Every structure is written in structure tokens, then in C-alpha cells.
């Protein structure tokens, strides 16, 4: 599990506790749009299909959301909020 902090870096979290691992607290990597897409596209697509009932419409909605995220990437502090 990862958590984005204020400077768009990620902290590795322990999946059992949800807390930062003591030995990895200094490990921070820049959060990349491709990583956010890889982890969030599937869940967002499932959610959108549930809302619309149509996969094609859901795909368009998710694509639009990621295009907007890309446009504002340098300003984004919490990518999952998008």
C-alpha cells in the first residue's frame, strides 16, 4: 500500500497496520501518473460501470478523469482524490 504526502511523494505502508514501515520511512519515490493509472484505473472503471451500466461510457468517463489529472498533475497533492 502507498500513501501520497503533501509533496507528491509516496511512503510505503505496512498492509496489515496501514502505518509506515519503520525501516522504510526514509524510502520516498516521486509519485508518477503512470503508477496512479496502473493502480486506480481498474477500480475507477468498475465504479463507473456500476454508475452508468455501460462499459463504453464508463471507459470514456475514466479516460476524461485521467486527462484532467494529467492537465493538473503539477498542482496535485492527493492523486486519489481526483
C-alpha atoms as a PDB file:
ATOM      1  CA  UNK A   1       0.000   0.000   0.000  1.00  0.00           C
ATOM      2  CA  UNK A   2       1.224   3.533  -0.689  1.00  0.00           C
ATOM      3  CA  UNK A   3       0.164   6.884   0.615  1.00  0.00           C
ATOM      4  CA  UNK A   4       0.811  10.206  -1.125  1.00  0.00           C
ATOM      5  CA  UNK A   5       2.021  13.009   1.087  1.00  0.00           C
ATOM      6  CA  UNK A   6       1.882  16.779   0.580  1.00  0.00           C
ATOM      7  CA  UNK A   7       4.858  16.922  -1.804  1.00  0.00           C
ATOM      8  CA  UNK A   8       3.564  14.186  -4.145  1.00  0.00           C
ATOM      9  CA  UNK A   9       5.944  11.580  -2.803  1.00  0.00           C
ATOM     10  CA  UNK A  10       4.904   8.183  -1.564  1.00  0.00           C
ATOM     11  CA  UNK A  11       5.519   6.399   1.696  1.00  0.00           C
ATOM     12  CA  UNK A  12       5.475   2.617   1.852  1.00  0.00           C
ATOM     13  CA  UNK A  13       2.812   1.458   4.313  1.00  0.00           C
ATOM     14  CA  UNK A  14       2.566  -1.847   6.109  1.00  0.00           C
ATOM     15  CA  UNK A  15      -0.505  -3.587   4.616  1.00  0.00           C
ATOM     16  CA  UNK A  16      -1.520  -5.094   7.982  1.00  0.00           C
ATOM     17  CA  UNK A  17      -1.318  -1.907  10.041  1.00  0.00           C
ATOM     18  CA  UNK A  18      -1.649   0.835   7.430  1.00  0.00           C
ATOM     19  CA  UNK A  19       1.260   2.573   9.157  1.00  0.00           C
ATOM     20  CA  UNK A  20       4.656   3.422   7.642  1.00  0.00           C
ATOM     21  CA  UNK A  21       7.196   0.643   7.979  1.00  0.00           C
ATOM     22  CA  UNK A  22       9.870   1.752  10.473  1.00  0.00           C
ATOM     23  CA  UNK A  23      12.663   0.503   8.224  1.00  0.00           C
ATOM     24  CA  UNK A  24      11.260   2.180   5.097  1.00  0.00           C
ATOM     25  CA  UNK A  25      10.296   5.588   6.498  1.00  0.00           C
ATOM     26  CA  UNK A  26      13.160   7.174   4.589  1.00  0.00           C
ATOM     27  CA  UNK A  27      12.157   5.476   1.314  1.00  0.00           C
ATOM     28  CA  UNK A  28      10.297   8.001  -0.768  1.00  0.00           C
ATOM     29  CA  UNK A  29       9.876   7.944  -4.505  1.00  0.00           C
ATOM     30  CA  UNK A  30       8.191  10.522  -6.698  1.00  0.00           C
ATOM     31  CA  UNK A  31       4.624   9.545  -7.468  1.00  0.00           C
ATOM     32  CA  UNK A  32       4.182   9.059 -11.203  1.00  0.00           C
ATOM     33  CA  UNK A  33       0.982   9.453 -13.173  1.00  0.00           C
ATOM     34  CA  UNK A  34       1.558   6.050 -14.787  1.00  0.00           C
ATOM     35  CA  UNK A  35       1.702   4.437 -11.346  1.00  0.00           C
ATOM     36  CA  UNK A  36      -1.545   6.120 -10.309  1.00  0.00           C
ATOM     37  CA  UNK A  37      -3.171   4.992 -13.553  1.00  0.00           C
ATOM     38  CA  UNK A  38      -1.965   1.411 -13.115  1.00  0.00           C
ATOM     39  CA  UNK A  39      -3.341   1.177  -9.577  1.00  0.00           C
ATOM     40  CA  UNK A  40      -6.554   3.184  -9.937  1.00  0.00           C
ATOM     41  CA  UNK A  41      -7.855   2.614 -13.482  1.00  0.00           C
ATOM     42  CA  UNK A  42      -9.429  -0.780 -12.731  1.00  0.00           C
ATOM     43  CA  UNK A  43     -11.289   0.270  -9.576  1.00  0.00           C
ATOM     44  CA  UNK A  44     -12.439   3.513 -11.209  1.00  0.00           C
ATOM     45  CA  UNK A  45     -13.666   1.637 -14.257  1.00  0.00           C
ATOM     46  CA  UNK A  46     -15.631  -0.821 -12.111  1.00  0.00           C
ATOM     47  CA  UNK A  47     -17.163   2.077 -10.188  1.00  0.00           C
ATOM     48  CA  UNK A  48     -18.081   3.923 -13.394  1.00  0.00           C
ATOM     49  CA  UNK A  49     -19.636   0.799 -14.937  1.00  0.00           C
ATOM     50  CA  UNK A  50     -21.705   0.438 -11.786  1.00  0.00           C
ATOM     51  CA  UNK A  51     -22.892   4.038 -12.114  1.00  0.00           C
ATOM     52  CA  UNK A  52     -23.613   4.029 -15.830  1.00  0.00           C
ATOM     53  CA  UNK A  53     -24.336   0.386 -16.589  1.00  0.00           C
ATOM     54  CA  UNK A  54     -22.427   0.809 -19.860  1.00  0.00           C
ATOM     55  CA  UNK A  55     -18.764  -0.111 -20.211  1.00  0.00           C
ATOM     56  CA  UNK A  56     -18.119   2.230 -23.164  1.00  0.00           C
ATOM     57  CA  UNK A  57     -19.492   5.224 -21.267  1.00  0.00           C
ATOM     58  CA  UNK A  58     -17.546   4.195 -18.159  1.00  0.00           C
ATOM     59  CA  UNK A  59     -14.307   3.986 -20.156  1.00  0.00           C
ATOM     60  CA  UNK A  60     -14.902   7.494 -21.526  1.00  0.00           C
ATOM     61  CA  UNK A  61     -15.530   8.863 -18.026  1.00  0.00           C
ATOM     62  CA  UNK A  62     -12.380   7.292 -16.597  1.00  0.00           C
ATOM     63  CA  UNK A  63     -10.336   8.484 -19.567  1.00  0.00           C
ATOM     64  CA  UNK A  64     -11.622  12.038 -19.080  1.00  0.00           C
ATOM     65  CA  UNK A  65     -10.765  11.907 -15.386  1.00  0.00           C
ATOM     66  CA  UNK A  66      -7.187  10.859 -16.122  1.00  0.00           C
ATOM     67  CA  UNK A  67      -6.846  13.513 -18.828  1.00  0.00           C
ATOM     68  CA  UNK A  68      -7.903  16.163 -16.300  1.00  0.00           C
ATOM     69  CA  UNK A  69      -5.491  14.721 -13.742  1.00  0.00           C
ATOM     70  CA  UNK A  70      -2.699  14.887 -16.333  1.00  0.00           C
ATOM     71  CA  UNK A  71      -3.515  18.543 -17.104  1.00  0.00           C
ATOM     72  CA  UNK A  72      -3.176  19.467 -13.432  1.00  0.00           C
ATOM     73  CA  UNK A  73      -0.510  16.933 -12.390  1.00  0.00           C
ATOM     74  CA  UNK A  74       1.980  19.570 -11.166  1.00  0.00           C
ATOM     75  CA  UNK A  75      -0.664  21.014  -8.834  1.00  0.00           C
ATOM     76  CA  UNK A  76      -1.989  17.713  -7.478  1.00  0.00           C
ATOM     77  CA  UNK A  77      -1.240  16.827  -3.859  1.00  0.00           C
ATOM     78  CA  UNK A  78      -3.637  13.878  -3.460  1.00  0.00           C
ATOM     79  CA  UNK A  79      -3.983  11.983  -6.781  1.00  0.00           C
ATOM     80  CA  UNK A  80      -6.548   9.520  -5.400  1.00  0.00           C
ATOM     81  CA  UNK A  81      -8.852  12.434  -4.654  1.00  0.00           C
ATOM     82  CA  UNK A  82      -9.080  13.034  -8.382  1.00  0.00           C
END
